[in-house]
Amino acid sequence: MLALALLLLQDQPNAAQIQHIVMAMMAILPILIVICLAVIIVPTWFICKKAGFSPWLSFLCLIPTVGMLVLLYVLAFADWKVVPVQQMAYAPPVPPYPPQR
Protein backbone atom coordinates (compact mmCIF):
# COMPACT_ATOMS: atom_id res chain seq x y z
CA MET A 1 0.00 0.00 0.00
CA LEU A 2 2.85 2.33 0.78
CA ALA A 3 4.35 1.72 -2.64
CA LEU A 4 1.02 2.50 -4.27
CA ALA A 5 0.68 5.72 -2.27
CA LEU A 6 4.20 6.76 -3.23
CA LEU A 7 3.48 5.92 -6.84
CA LEU A 8 0.44 8.18 -6.84
CA LEU A 9 2.37 11.05 -5.26
CA GLN A 10 5.14 11.01 -7.86
CA ASP A 11 4.88 12.45 -11.32
CA GLN A 12 6.91 9.80 -13.13
CA PRO A 13 7.04 6.35 -11.45
CA ASN A 14 10.09 4.32 -12.30
CA ALA A 15 9.91 0.84 -13.77
CA ALA A 16 11.14 -0.88 -10.60
CA GLN A 17 8.26 0.52 -8.52
CA ILE A 18 5.70 -0.54 -11.11
CA GLN A 19 7.22 -4.01 -11.24
CA HIS A 20 7.01 -4.39 -7.44
CA ILE A 21 3.38 -3.30 -7.38
CA VAL A 22 2.45 -5.69 -10.20
CA MET A 23 4.21 -8.59 -8.48
CA ALA A 24 2.37 -7.85 -5.23
CA MET A 25 -0.95 -7.76 -7.06
CA MET A 26 -0.16 -11.06 -8.80
CA ALA A 27 0.45 -12.65 -5.41
CA ILE A 28 -2.74 -11.32 -3.81
CA LEU A 29 -5.16 -11.69 -6.73
CA PRO A 30 -5.35 -15.55 -6.79
CA ILE A 31 -6.06 -15.60 -3.06
CA LEU A 32 -8.92 -13.12 -3.51
CA ILE A 33 -10.32 -15.13 -6.43
CA VAL A 34 -10.33 -18.36 -4.39
CA ILE A 35 -12.07 -16.61 -1.48
CA CYS A 36 -14.74 -15.16 -3.78
CA LEU A 37 -15.34 -18.55 -5.41
CA ALA A 38 -15.71 -20.20 -2.02
CA VAL A 39 -18.21 -17.54 -0.92
CA ILE A 40 -20.36 -18.36 -3.97
CA ILE A 41 -19.89 -22.12 -4.44
CA VAL A 42 -20.26 -23.31 -0.83
CA PRO A 43 -23.80 -21.91 -0.31
CA THR A 44 -24.97 -23.07 -3.73
CA TRP A 45 -23.55 -26.53 -2.96
CA PHE A 46 -25.74 -26.77 0.15
CA ILE A 47 -28.79 -25.34 -1.63
CA CYS A 48 -28.50 -27.91 -4.42
CA LYS A 49 -28.01 -30.71 -1.91
CA LYS A 50 -31.04 -29.68 0.17
CA ALA A 51 -33.16 -29.30 -2.97
CA GLY A 52 -32.40 -32.88 -3.98
CA PHE A 53 -30.16 -32.01 -6.93
CA SER A 54 -26.56 -33.00 -7.48
CA PRO A 55 -24.36 -30.60 -5.50
CA TRP A 56 -21.96 -30.57 -8.45
CA LEU A 57 -24.40 -28.19 -10.16
CA SER A 58 -22.93 -25.47 -7.96
CA PHE A 59 -19.83 -25.47 -10.16
CA LEU A 60 -21.95 -23.87 -12.90
CA CYS A 61 -21.22 -20.66 -11.01
CA LEU A 62 -17.66 -20.81 -12.35
CA ILE A 63 -19.00 -19.74 -15.76
CA PRO A 64 -19.45 -15.98 -15.45
CA THR A 65 -23.04 -14.69 -15.59
CA VAL A 66 -24.50 -17.52 -17.71
CA GLY A 67 -23.66 -20.29 -15.23
CA MET A 68 -25.32 -18.53 -12.30
CA LEU A 69 -28.41 -17.77 -14.39
CA VAL A 70 -28.70 -21.40 -15.51
CA LEU A 71 -28.39 -22.59 -11.90
CA LEU A 72 -31.04 -20.12 -10.73
CA TYR A 73 -33.45 -21.22 -13.46
CA VAL A 74 -32.86 -24.90 -12.67
CA LEU A 75 -33.54 -24.27 -8.99
CA ALA A 76 -36.54 -22.04 -9.64
CA PHE A 77 -38.47 -24.08 -12.19
CA ALA A 78 -37.50 -27.73 -11.59
CA ASP A 79 -39.43 -30.01 -9.26
CA TRP A 80 -37.46 -30.36 -6.07
CA LYS A 81 -36.92 -34.00 -5.13
CA VAL A 82 -37.43 -33.37 -1.43
CA VAL A 83 -40.12 -35.33 0.38
CA PRO A 84 -42.10 -33.00 2.65
CA VAL A 85 -42.52 -33.92 6.28
CA GLN A 86 -45.97 -35.41 6.84
CA GLN A 87 -48.17 -33.97 9.55
CA MET A 88 -49.39 -36.35 12.23
CA ALA A 89 -53.10 -37.03 12.02
CA TYR A 90 -53.34 -37.53 15.78
CA ALA A 91 -51.40 -36.53 18.84
CA PRO A 92 -48.80 -39.04 19.96
CA PRO A 93 -49.66 -40.92 23.15
CA VAL A 94 -48.35 -39.47 26.36
CA PRO A 95 -45.71 -41.71 27.92
CA PRO A 96 -46.71 -43.16 31.30
CA TYR A 97 -45.32 -41.67 34.46
CA PRO A 98 -42.49 -43.56 36.12
CA PRO A 99 -43.53 -45.74 39.06
CA GLN A 100 -43.82 -43.92 42.37
CA ARG A 101 -42.64 -45.45 45.65
PDB file of N, CA and C in Angstrom:
ATOM      1  N   MET A   1       0.819  -1.185   0.000  1.00  0.00           N
ATOM      2  CA  MET A   1       0.000   0.000   0.000  1.00  0.00           C
ATOM      3  C   MET A   1       0.867   1.254   0.000  1.00  0.00           C
ATOM      4  N   LEU A   2       1.960   1.179   0.724  1.00  0.00           N
ATOM      5  CA  LEU A   2       2.852   2.328   0.780  1.00  0.00           C
ATOM      6  C   LEU A   2       3.440   2.611  -0.590  1.00  0.00           C
ATOM      7  N   ALA A   3       3.791   1.537  -1.299  1.00  0.00           N
ATOM      8  CA  ALA A   3       4.352   1.719  -2.641  1.00  0.00           C
ATOM      9  C   ALA A   3       3.320   2.336  -3.575  1.00  0.00           C
ATOM     10  N   LEU A   4       2.069   1.930  -3.437  1.00  0.00           N
ATOM     11  CA  LEU A   4       1.025   2.502  -4.273  1.00  0.00           C
ATOM     12  C   LEU A   4       0.805   3.972  -3.941  1.00  0.00           C
ATOM     13  N   ALA A   5       0.836   4.318  -2.666  1.00  0.00           N
ATOM     14  CA  ALA A   5       0.682   5.716  -2.268  1.00  0.00           C
ATOM     15  C   ALA A   5       1.841   6.561  -2.785  1.00  0.00           C
ATOM     16  N   LEU A   6       3.051   6.034  -2.705  1.00  0.00           N
ATOM     17  CA  LEU A   6       4.201   6.760  -3.226  1.00  0.00           C
ATOM     18  C   LEU A   6       4.132   6.897  -4.736  1.00  0.00           C
ATOM     19  N   LEU A   7       3.619   5.880  -5.396  1.00  0.00           N
ATOM     20  CA  LEU A   7       3.483   5.924  -6.843  1.00  0.00           C
ATOM     21  C   LEU A   7       2.507   7.014  -7.266  1.00  0.00           C
ATOM     22  N   LEU A   8       1.429   7.169  -6.504  1.00  0.00           N
ATOM     23  CA  LEU A   8       0.439   8.176  -6.842  1.00  0.00           C
ATOM     24  C   LEU A   8       0.936   9.598  -6.550  1.00  0.00           C
ATOM     25  N   LEU A   9       1.851   9.731  -5.602  1.00  0.00           N
ATOM     26  CA  LEU A   9       2.372  11.048  -5.256  1.00  0.00           C
ATOM     27  C   LEU A   9       3.431  11.535  -6.243  1.00  0.00           C
ATOM     28  N   GLN A  10       4.085  10.634  -6.937  1.00  0.00           N
ATOM     29  CA  GLN A  10       5.144  11.011  -7.860  1.00  0.00           C
ATOM     30  C   GLN A  10       4.567  11.329  -9.240  1.00  0.00           C
ATOM     31  N   ASP A  11       5.298  12.131  -9.967  1.00  0.00           N
ATOM     32  CA  ASP A  11       4.883  12.447 -11.325  1.00  0.00           C
ATOM     33  C   ASP A  11       5.229  11.308 -12.279  1.00  0.00           C
ATOM     34  N   GLN A  12       6.448  10.844 -12.228  1.00  0.00           N
ATOM     35  CA  GLN A  12       6.915   9.795 -13.126  1.00  0.00           C
ATOM     36  C   GLN A  12       7.386   8.593 -12.300  1.00  0.00           C
ATOM     37  N   PRO A  13       6.575   7.536 -12.191  1.00  0.00           N
ATOM     38  CA  PRO A  13       7.044   6.353 -11.453  1.00  0.00           C
ATOM     39  C   PRO A  13       8.109   5.628 -12.274  1.00  0.00           C
ATOM     40  N   ASN A  14       9.069   5.070 -11.569  1.00  0.00           N
ATOM     41  CA  ASN A  14      10.086   4.324 -12.302  1.00  0.00           C
ATOM     42  C   ASN A  14       9.629   2.883 -12.513  1.00  0.00           C
ATOM     43  N   ALA A  15      10.305   2.193 -13.378  1.00  0.00           N
ATOM     44  CA  ALA A  15       9.906   0.841 -13.771  1.00  0.00           C
ATOM     45  C   ALA A  15      10.009  -0.148 -12.613  1.00  0.00           C
ATOM     46  N   ALA A  16      10.966   0.043 -11.719  1.00  0.00           N
ATOM     47  CA  ALA A  16      11.138  -0.877 -10.595  1.00  0.00           C
ATOM     48  C   ALA A  16       9.943  -0.809  -9.650  1.00  0.00           C
ATOM     49  N   GLN A  17       9.431   0.383  -9.400  1.00  0.00           N
ATOM     50  CA  GLN A  17       8.265   0.516  -8.524  1.00  0.00           C
ATOM     51  C   GLN A  17       7.040  -0.138  -9.153  1.00  0.00           C
ATOM     52  N   ILE A  18       6.846   0.071 -10.424  1.00  0.00           N
ATOM     53  CA  ILE A  18       5.704  -0.537 -11.111  1.00  0.00           C
ATOM     54  C   ILE A  18       5.815  -2.051 -11.070  1.00  0.00           C
ATOM     55  N   GLN A  19       7.019  -2.564 -11.264  1.00  0.00           N
ATOM     56  CA  GLN A  19       7.224  -4.010 -11.244  1.00  0.00           C
ATOM     57  C   GLN A  19       6.919  -4.583  -9.858  1.00  0.00           C
ATOM     58  N   HIS A  20       7.298  -3.903  -8.797  1.00  0.00           N
ATOM     59  CA  HIS A  20       7.013  -4.386  -7.438  1.00  0.00           C
ATOM     60  C   HIS A  20       5.506  -4.390  -7.160  1.00  0.00           C
ATOM     61  N   ILE A  21       4.825  -3.369  -7.605  1.00  0.00           N
ATOM     62  CA  ILE A  21       3.377  -3.298  -7.381  1.00  0.00           C
ATOM     63  C   ILE A  21       2.660  -4.406  -8.156  1.00  0.00           C
ATOM     64  N   VAL A  22       3.077  -4.635  -9.394  1.00  0.00           N
ATOM     65  CA  VAL A  22       2.450  -5.688 -10.202  1.00  0.00           C
ATOM     66  C   VAL A  22       2.711  -7.054  -9.594  1.00  0.00           C
ATOM     67  N   MET A  23       3.897  -7.301  -9.102  1.00  0.00           N
ATOM     68  CA  MET A  23       4.209  -8.589  -8.476  1.00  0.00           C
ATOM     69  C   MET A  23       3.389  -8.801  -7.200  1.00  0.00           C
ATOM     70  N   ALA A  24       3.190  -7.733  -6.433  1.00  0.00           N
ATOM     71  CA  ALA A  24       2.368  -7.851  -5.229  1.00  0.00           C
ATOM     72  C   ALA A  24       0.915  -8.148  -5.590  1.00  0.00           C
ATOM     73  N   MET A  25       0.426  -7.497  -6.630  1.00  0.00           N
ATOM     74  CA  MET A  25      -0.953  -7.763  -7.065  1.00  0.00           C
ATOM     75  C   MET A  25      -1.104  -9.184  -7.585  1.00  0.00           C
ATOM     76  N   MET A  26      -0.090  -9.690  -8.283  1.00  0.00           N
ATOM     77  CA  MET A  26      -0.161 -11.061  -8.799  1.00  0.00           C
ATOM     78  C   MET A  26      -0.126 -12.088  -7.675  1.00  0.00           C
ATOM     79  N   ALA A  27       0.438 -11.728  -6.551  1.00  0.00           N
ATOM     80  CA  ALA A  27       0.454 -12.646  -5.408  1.00  0.00           C
ATOM     81  C   ALA A  27      -0.872 -12.621  -4.655  1.00  0.00           C
ATOM     82  N   ILE A  28      -1.510 -11.469  -4.592  1.00  0.00           N
ATOM     83  CA  ILE A  28      -2.742 -11.319  -3.811  1.00  0.00           C
ATOM     84  C   ILE A  28      -3.981 -11.721  -4.615  1.00  0.00           C
ATOM     85  N   LEU A  29      -3.978 -11.468  -5.906  1.00  0.00           N
ATOM     86  CA  LEU A  29      -5.164 -11.695  -6.728  1.00  0.00           C
ATOM     87  C   LEU A  29      -5.665 -13.142  -6.716  1.00  0.00           C
ATOM     88  N   PRO A  30      -4.815 -14.171  -6.845  1.00  0.00           N
ATOM     89  CA  PRO A  30      -5.346 -15.554  -6.787  1.00  0.00           C
ATOM     90  C   PRO A  30      -6.003 -15.892  -5.452  1.00  0.00           C
ATOM     91  N   ILE A  31      -5.467 -15.352  -4.375  1.00  0.00           N
ATOM     92  CA  ILE A  31      -6.064 -15.603  -3.059  1.00  0.00           C
ATOM     93  C   ILE A  31      -7.459 -14.990  -2.994  1.00  0.00           C
ATOM     94  N   LEU A  32      -7.606 -13.772  -3.496  1.00  0.00           N
ATOM     95  CA  LEU A  32      -8.922 -13.124  -3.509  1.00  0.00           C
ATOM     96  C   LEU A  32      -9.906 -13.868  -4.404  1.00  0.00           C
ATOM     97  N   ILE A  33      -9.445 -14.384  -5.522  1.00  0.00           N
ATOM     98  CA  ILE A  33     -10.321 -15.133  -6.425  1.00  0.00           C
ATOM     99  C   ILE A  33     -10.813 -16.412  -5.756  1.00  0.00           C
ATOM    100  N   VAL A  34      -9.931 -17.129  -5.073  1.00  0.00           N
ATOM    101  CA  VAL A  34     -10.330 -18.363  -4.387  1.00  0.00           C
ATOM    102  C   VAL A  34     -11.332 -18.062  -3.272  1.00  0.00           C
ATOM    103  N   ILE A  35     -11.132 -16.988  -2.547  1.00  0.00           N
ATOM    104  CA  ILE A  35     -12.067 -16.615  -1.480  1.00  0.00           C
ATOM    105  C   ILE A  35     -13.434 -16.277  -2.063  1.00  0.00           C
ATOM    106  N   CYS A  36     -13.463 -15.515  -3.150  1.00  0.00           N
ATOM    107  CA  CYS A  36     -14.741 -15.159  -3.781  1.00  0.00           C
ATOM    108  C   CYS A  36     -15.459 -16.394  -4.322  1.00  0.00           C
ATOM    109  N   LEU A  37     -14.719 -17.318  -4.911  1.00  0.00           N
ATOM    110  CA  LEU A  37     -15.339 -18.545  -5.410  1.00  0.00           C
ATOM    111  C   LEU A  37     -15.912 -19.378  -4.268  1.00  0.00           C
ATOM    112  N   ALA A  38     -15.205 -19.445  -3.160  1.00  0.00           N
ATOM    113  CA  ALA A  38     -15.709 -20.200  -2.016  1.00  0.00           C
ATOM    114  C   ALA A  38     -16.978 -19.571  -1.456  1.00  0.00           C
ATOM    115  N   VAL A  39     -17.026 -18.236  -1.441  1.00  0.00           N
ATOM    116  CA  VAL A  39     -18.210 -17.538  -0.924  1.00  0.00           C
ATOM    117  C   VAL A  39     -19.430 -17.839  -1.796  1.00  0.00           C
ATOM    118  N   ILE A  40     -19.240 -18.091  -3.079  1.00  0.00           N
ATOM    119  CA  ILE A  40     -20.358 -18.358  -3.973  1.00  0.00           C
ATOM    120  C   ILE A  40     -20.670 -19.850  -4.058  1.00  0.00           C
ATOM    121  N   ILE A  41     -19.657 -20.697  -4.177  1.00  0.00           N
ATOM    122  CA  ILE A  41     -19.890 -22.120  -4.443  1.00  0.00           C
ATOM    123  C   ILE A  41     -20.382 -22.869  -3.209  1.00  0.00           C
ATOM    124  N   VAL A  42     -19.860 -22.566  -2.032  1.00  0.00           N
ATOM    125  CA  VAL A  42     -20.260 -23.313  -0.828  1.00  0.00           C
ATOM    126  C   VAL A  42     -21.766 -23.184  -0.544  1.00  0.00           C
ATOM    127  N   PRO A  43     -22.349 -21.976  -0.546  1.00  0.00           N
ATOM    128  CA  PRO A  43     -23.801 -21.909  -0.306  1.00  0.00           C
ATOM    129  C   PRO A  43     -24.628 -22.575  -1.402  1.00  0.00           C
ATOM    130  N   THR A  44     -24.200 -22.419  -2.663  1.00  0.00           N
ATOM    131  CA  THR A  44     -24.971 -23.067  -3.730  1.00  0.00           C
ATOM    132  C   THR A  44     -24.841 -24.582  -3.661  1.00  0.00           C
ATOM    133  N   TRP A  45     -23.728 -25.083  -3.162  1.00  0.00           N
ATOM    134  CA  TRP A  45     -23.547 -26.528  -2.961  1.00  0.00           C
ATOM    135  C   TRP A  45     -24.607 -27.041  -1.981  1.00  0.00           C
ATOM    136  N   PHE A  46     -24.770 -26.338  -0.850  1.00  0.00           N
ATOM    137  CA  PHE A  46     -25.740 -26.772   0.154  1.00  0.00           C
ATOM    138  C   PHE A  46     -27.173 -26.590  -0.327  1.00  0.00           C
ATOM    139  N   ILE A  47     -27.446 -25.537  -1.094  1.00  0.00           N
ATOM    140  CA  ILE A  47     -28.791 -25.337  -1.627  1.00  0.00           C
ATOM    141  C   ILE A  47     -29.154 -26.461  -2.583  1.00  0.00           C
ATOM    142  N   CYS A  48     -28.236 -26.817  -3.472  1.00  0.00           N
ATOM    143  CA  CYS A  48     -28.503 -27.910  -4.421  1.00  0.00           C
ATOM    144  C   CYS A  48     -28.700 -29.230  -3.685  1.00  0.00           C
ATOM    145  N   LYS A  49     -27.902 -29.464  -2.660  1.00  0.00           N
ATOM    146  CA  LYS A  49     -28.015 -30.711  -1.911  1.00  0.00           C
ATOM    147  C   LYS A  49     -29.347 -30.788  -1.169  1.00  0.00           C
ATOM    148  N   LYS A  50     -29.774 -29.692  -0.555  1.00  0.00           N
ATOM    149  CA  LYS A  50     -31.039 -29.684   0.172  1.00  0.00           C
ATOM    150  C   LYS A  50     -32.236 -29.739  -0.757  1.00  0.00           C
ATOM    151  N   ALA A  51     -32.063 -29.278  -2.004  1.00  0.00           N
ATOM    152  CA  ALA A  51     -33.157 -29.302  -2.972  1.00  0.00           C
ATOM    153  C   ALA A  51     -33.275 -30.661  -3.647  1.00  0.00           C
ATOM    154  N   GLY A  52     -32.339 -31.561  -3.398  1.00  0.00           N
ATOM    155  CA  GLY A  52     -32.401 -32.884  -3.978  1.00  0.00           C
ATOM    156  C   GLY A  52     -31.677 -32.995  -5.309  1.00  0.00           C
ATOM    157  N   PHE A  53     -30.941 -31.976  -5.700  1.00  0.00           N
ATOM    158  CA  PHE A  53     -30.156 -32.010  -6.928  1.00  0.00           C
ATOM    159  C   PHE A  53     -28.728 -32.418  -6.610  1.00  0.00           C
ATOM    160  N   SER A  54     -27.973 -32.699  -7.661  1.00  0.00           N
ATOM    161  CA  SER A  54     -26.559 -32.997  -7.480  1.00  0.00           C
ATOM    162  C   SER A  54     -25.843 -31.728  -7.028  1.00  0.00           C
ATOM    163  N   PRO A  55     -25.073 -31.796  -5.959  1.00  0.00           N
ATOM    164  CA  PRO A  55     -24.364 -30.602  -5.497  1.00  0.00           C
ATOM    165  C   PRO A  55     -23.325 -30.105  -6.506  1.00  0.00           C
ATOM    166  N   TRP A  56     -22.940 -30.971  -7.447  1.00  0.00           N
ATOM    167  CA  TRP A  56     -21.957 -30.573  -8.448  1.00  0.00           C
ATOM    168  C   TRP A  56     -22.506 -29.497  -9.381  1.00  0.00           C
ATOM    169  N   LEU A  57     -23.826 -29.274  -9.368  1.00  0.00           N
ATOM    170  CA  LEU A  57     -24.403 -28.190 -10.164  1.00  0.00           C
ATOM    171  C   LEU A  57     -23.898 -26.828  -9.698  1.00  0.00           C
ATOM    172  N   SER A  58     -23.413 -26.750  -8.468  1.00  0.00           N
ATOM    173  CA  SER A  58     -22.932 -25.473  -7.958  1.00  0.00           C
ATOM    174  C   SER A  58     -21.707 -24.982  -8.718  1.00  0.00           C
ATOM    175  N   PHE A  59     -21.004 -25.883  -9.405  1.00  0.00           N
ATOM    176  CA  PHE A  59     -19.833 -25.468 -10.165  1.00  0.00           C
ATOM    177  C   PHE A  59     -20.211 -24.767 -11.469  1.00  0.00           C
ATOM    178  N   LEU A  60     -21.512 -24.700 -11.780  1.00  0.00           N
ATOM    179  CA  LEU A  60     -21.945 -23.871 -12.898  1.00  0.00           C
ATOM    180  C   LEU A  60     -21.652 -22.399 -12.634  1.00  0.00           C
ATOM    181  N   CYS A  61     -21.508 -22.048 -11.375  1.00  0.00           N
ATOM    182  CA  CYS A  61     -21.216 -20.659 -11.014  1.00  0.00           C
ATOM    183  C   CYS A  61     -19.832 -20.226 -11.484  1.00  0.00           C
ATOM    184  N   LEU A  62     -18.985 -21.168 -11.861  1.00  0.00           N
ATOM    185  CA  LEU A  62     -17.658 -20.805 -12.349  1.00  0.00           C
ATOM    186  C   LEU A  62     -17.723 -20.139 -13.715  1.00  0.00           C
ATOM    187  N   ILE A  63     -18.812 -20.383 -14.456  1.00  0.00           N
ATOM    188  CA  ILE A  63     -18.997 -19.735 -15.756  1.00  0.00           C
ATOM    189  C   ILE A  63     -19.619 -18.371 -15.470  1.00  0.00           C
ATOM    190  N   PRO A  64     -18.936 -17.304 -15.811  1.00  0.00           N
ATOM    191  CA  PRO A  64     -19.448 -15.975 -15.454  1.00  0.00           C
ATOM    192  C   PRO A  64     -20.830 -15.703 -16.040  1.00  0.00           C
ATOM    193  N   THR A  65     -21.687 -15.148 -15.276  1.00  0.00           N
ATOM    194  CA  THR A  65     -23.043 -14.692 -15.594  1.00  0.00           C
ATOM    195  C   THR A  65     -23.958 -15.818 -16.053  1.00  0.00           C
ATOM    196  N   VAL A  66     -23.617 -16.502 -17.125  1.00  0.00           N
ATOM    197  CA  VAL A  66     -24.497 -17.520 -17.707  1.00  0.00           C
ATOM    198  C   VAL A  66     -24.667 -18.703 -16.761  1.00  0.00           C
ATOM    199  N   GLY A  67     -23.585 -19.145 -16.118  1.00  0.00           N
ATOM    200  CA  GLY A  67     -23.657 -20.292 -15.227  1.00  0.00           C
ATOM    201  C   GLY A  67     -24.575 -20.047 -14.039  1.00  0.00           C
ATOM    202  N   MET A  68     -24.477 -18.866 -13.451  1.00  0.00           N
ATOM    203  CA  MET A  68     -25.320 -18.535 -12.300  1.00  0.00           C
ATOM    204  C   MET A  68     -26.777 -18.430 -12.728  1.00  0.00           C
ATOM    205  N   LEU A  69     -27.039 -17.859 -13.902  1.00  0.00           N
ATOM    206  CA  LEU A  69     -28.414 -17.775 -14.392  1.00  0.00           C
ATOM    207  C   LEU A  69     -29.002 -19.146 -14.659  1.00  0.00           C
ATOM    208  N   VAL A  70     -28.219 -20.037 -15.249  1.00  0.00           N
ATOM    209  CA  VAL A  70     -28.700 -21.401 -15.508  1.00  0.00           C
ATOM    210  C   VAL A  70     -29.026 -22.096 -14.194  1.00  0.00           C
ATOM    211  N   LEU A  71     -28.147 -21.969 -13.208  1.00  0.00           N
ATOM    212  CA  LEU A  71     -28.394 -22.595 -11.905  1.00  0.00           C
ATOM    213  C   LEU A  71     -29.649 -22.029 -11.250  1.00  0.00           C
ATOM    214  N   LEU A  72     -29.836 -20.718 -11.314  1.00  0.00           N
ATOM    215  CA  LEU A  72     -31.040 -20.115 -10.727  1.00  0.00           C
ATOM    216  C   LEU A  72     -32.306 -20.608 -11.422  1.00  0.00           C
ATOM    217  N   TYR A  73     -32.279 -20.728 -12.746  1.00  0.00           N
ATOM    218  CA  TYR A  73     -33.455 -21.221 -13.462  1.00  0.00           C
ATOM    219  C   TYR A  73     -33.719 -22.690 -13.159  1.00  0.00           C
ATOM    220  N   VAL A  74     -32.667 -23.481 -13.031  1.00  0.00           N
ATOM    221  CA  VAL A  74     -32.862 -24.903 -12.666  1.00  0.00           C
ATOM    222  C   VAL A  74     -33.493 -24.992 -11.289  1.00  0.00           C
ATOM    223  N   LEU A  75     -32.997 -24.219 -10.336  1.00  0.00           N
ATOM    224  CA  LEU A  75     -33.542 -24.271  -8.985  1.00  0.00           C
ATOM    225  C   LEU A  75     -34.953 -23.693  -8.908  1.00  0.00           C
ATOM    226  N   ALA A  76     -35.237 -22.703  -9.726  1.00  0.00           N
ATOM    227  CA  ALA A  76     -36.538 -22.038  -9.641  1.00  0.00           C
ATOM    228  C   ALA A  76     -37.655 -22.844 -10.286  1.00  0.00           C
ATOM    229  N   PHE A  77     -37.385 -23.483 -11.414  1.00  0.00           N
ATOM    230  CA  PHE A  77     -38.468 -24.084 -12.190  1.00  0.00           C
ATOM    231  C   PHE A  77     -38.492 -25.607 -12.186  1.00  0.00           C
ATOM    232  N   ALA A  78     -37.500 -26.266 -11.644  1.00  0.00           N
ATOM    233  CA  ALA A  78     -37.504 -27.728 -11.590  1.00  0.00           C
ATOM    234  C   ALA A  78     -38.272 -28.192 -10.356  1.00  0.00           C
ATOM    235  N   ASP A  79     -38.777 -29.408 -10.424  1.00  0.00           N
ATOM    236  CA  ASP A  79     -39.428 -30.008  -9.257  1.00  0.00           C
ATOM    237  C   ASP A  79     -38.355 -30.472  -8.290  1.00  0.00           C
ATOM    238  N   TRP A  80     -38.434 -29.969  -7.067  1.00  0.00           N
ATOM    239  CA  TRP A  80     -37.463 -30.364  -6.070  1.00  0.00           C
ATOM    240  C   TRP A  80     -37.778 -31.773  -5.615  1.00  0.00           C
ATOM    241  N   LYS A  81     -36.751 -32.589  -5.472  1.00  0.00           N
ATOM    242  CA  LYS A  81     -36.920 -33.995  -5.135  1.00  0.00           C
ATOM    243  C   LYS A  81     -36.901 -34.226  -3.622  1.00  0.00           C
ATOM    244  N   VAL A  82     -37.413 -33.277  -2.890  1.00  0.00           N
ATOM    245  CA  VAL A  82     -37.429 -33.366  -1.435  1.00  0.00           C
ATOM    246  C   VAL A  82     -38.812 -33.834  -1.001  1.00  0.00           C
ATOM    247  N   VAL A  83     -38.850 -34.832  -0.141  1.00  0.00           N
ATOM    248  CA  VAL A  83     -40.120 -35.332   0.376  1.00  0.00           C
ATOM    249  C   VAL A  83     -40.514 -34.467   1.560  1.00  0.00           C
ATOM    250  N   PRO A  84     -41.705 -33.846   1.518  1.00  0.00           N
ATOM    251  CA  PRO A  84     -42.098 -33.002   2.646  1.00  0.00           C
ATOM    252  C   PRO A  84     -42.407 -33.844   3.887  1.00  0.00           C
ATOM    253  N   VAL A  85     -42.231 -33.245   5.024  1.00  0.00           N
ATOM    254  CA  VAL A  85     -42.523 -33.916   6.284  1.00  0.00           C
ATOM    255  C   VAL A  85     -44.036 -34.012   6.429  1.00  0.00           C
ATOM    256  N   GLN A  86     -44.527 -35.221   6.713  1.00  0.00           N
ATOM    257  CA  GLN A  86     -45.967 -35.413   6.844  1.00  0.00           C
ATOM    258  C   GLN A  86     -46.423 -34.993   8.241  1.00  0.00           C
ATOM    259  N   GLN A  87     -47.585 -34.377   8.275  1.00  0.00           N
ATOM    260  CA  GLN A  87     -48.170 -33.971   9.547  1.00  0.00           C
ATOM    261  C   GLN A  87     -48.818 -35.186  10.202  1.00  0.00           C
ATOM    262  N   MET A  88     -48.743 -35.248  11.511  1.00  0.00           N
ATOM    263  CA  MET A  88     -49.389 -36.345  12.229  1.00  0.00           C
ATOM    264  C   MET A  88     -50.892 -36.107  12.264  1.00  0.00           C
ATOM    265  N   ALA A  89     -51.647 -37.159  12.026  1.00  0.00           N
ATOM    266  CA  ALA A  89     -53.103 -37.029  12.020  1.00  0.00           C
ATOM    267  C   ALA A  89     -53.658 -37.017  13.446  1.00  0.00           C
ATOM    268  N   TYR A  90     -52.890 -37.501  14.384  1.00  0.00           N
ATOM    269  CA  TYR A  90     -53.336 -37.534  15.776  1.00  0.00           C
ATOM    270  C   TYR A  90     -52.152 -37.194  16.667  1.00  0.00           C
ATOM    271  N   ALA A  91     -52.459 -36.850  17.881  1.00  0.00           N
ATOM    272  CA  ALA A  91     -51.405 -36.529  18.838  1.00  0.00           C
ATOM    273  C   ALA A  91     -50.747 -37.814  19.319  1.00  0.00           C
ATOM    274  N   PRO A  92     -49.452 -37.820  19.478  1.00  0.00           N
ATOM    275  CA  PRO A  92     -48.795 -39.037  19.964  1.00  0.00           C
ATOM    276  C   PRO A  92     -49.223 -39.329  21.402  1.00  0.00           C
ATOM    277  N   PRO A  93     -49.248 -40.597  21.774  1.00  0.00           N
ATOM    278  CA  PRO A  93     -49.658 -40.924  23.148  1.00  0.00           C
ATOM    279  C   PRO A  93     -48.653 -40.384  24.159  1.00  0.00           C
ATOM    280  N   VAL A  94     -49.193 -39.994  25.302  1.00  0.00           N
ATOM    281  CA  VAL A  94     -48.347 -39.466  26.364  1.00  0.00           C
ATOM    282  C   VAL A  94     -47.680 -40.644  27.057  1.00  0.00           C
ATOM    283  N   PRO A  95     -46.374 -40.583  27.250  1.00  0.00           N
ATOM    284  CA  PRO A  95     -45.713 -41.707  27.924  1.00  0.00           C
ATOM    285  C   PRO A  95     -46.177 -41.800  29.379  1.00  0.00           C
ATOM    286  N   PRO A  96     -46.246 -42.997  29.912  1.00  0.00           N
ATOM    287  CA  PRO A  96     -46.705 -43.155  31.302  1.00  0.00           C
ATOM    288  C   PRO A  96     -45.675 -42.567  32.277  1.00  0.00           C
ATOM    289  N   TYR A  97     -46.214 -42.194  33.427  1.00  0.00           N
ATOM    290  CA  TYR A  97     -45.318 -41.673  34.462  1.00  0.00           C
ATOM    291  C   TYR A  97     -44.485 -42.804  35.014  1.00  0.00           C
ATOM    292  N   PRO A  98     -43.291 -42.503  35.494  1.00  0.00           N
ATOM    293  CA  PRO A  98     -42.487 -43.558  36.116  1.00  0.00           C
ATOM    294  C   PRO A  98     -43.133 -44.008  37.419  1.00  0.00           C
ATOM    295  N   PRO A  99     -42.915 -45.233  37.811  1.00  0.00           N
ATOM    296  CA  PRO A  99     -43.530 -45.745  39.058  1.00  0.00           C
ATOM    297  C   PRO A  99     -43.093 -44.917  40.268  1.00  0.00           C
ATOM    298  N   GLN A 100     -44.069 -44.692  41.154  1.00  0.00           N
ATOM    299  CA  GLN A 100     -43.817 -43.923  42.369  1.00  0.00           C
ATOM    300  C   GLN A 100     -43.649 -44.884  43.536  1.00  0.00           C
ATOM    301  N   ARG A 101     -42.789 -44.600  44.462  1.00  0.00           N
ATOM    302  CA  ARG A 101     -42.644 -45.452  45.646  1.00  0.00           C
ATOM    303  C   ARG A 101     -43.374 -44.903  46.801  1.00  0.00           C
TER     304      ARG A 101
END
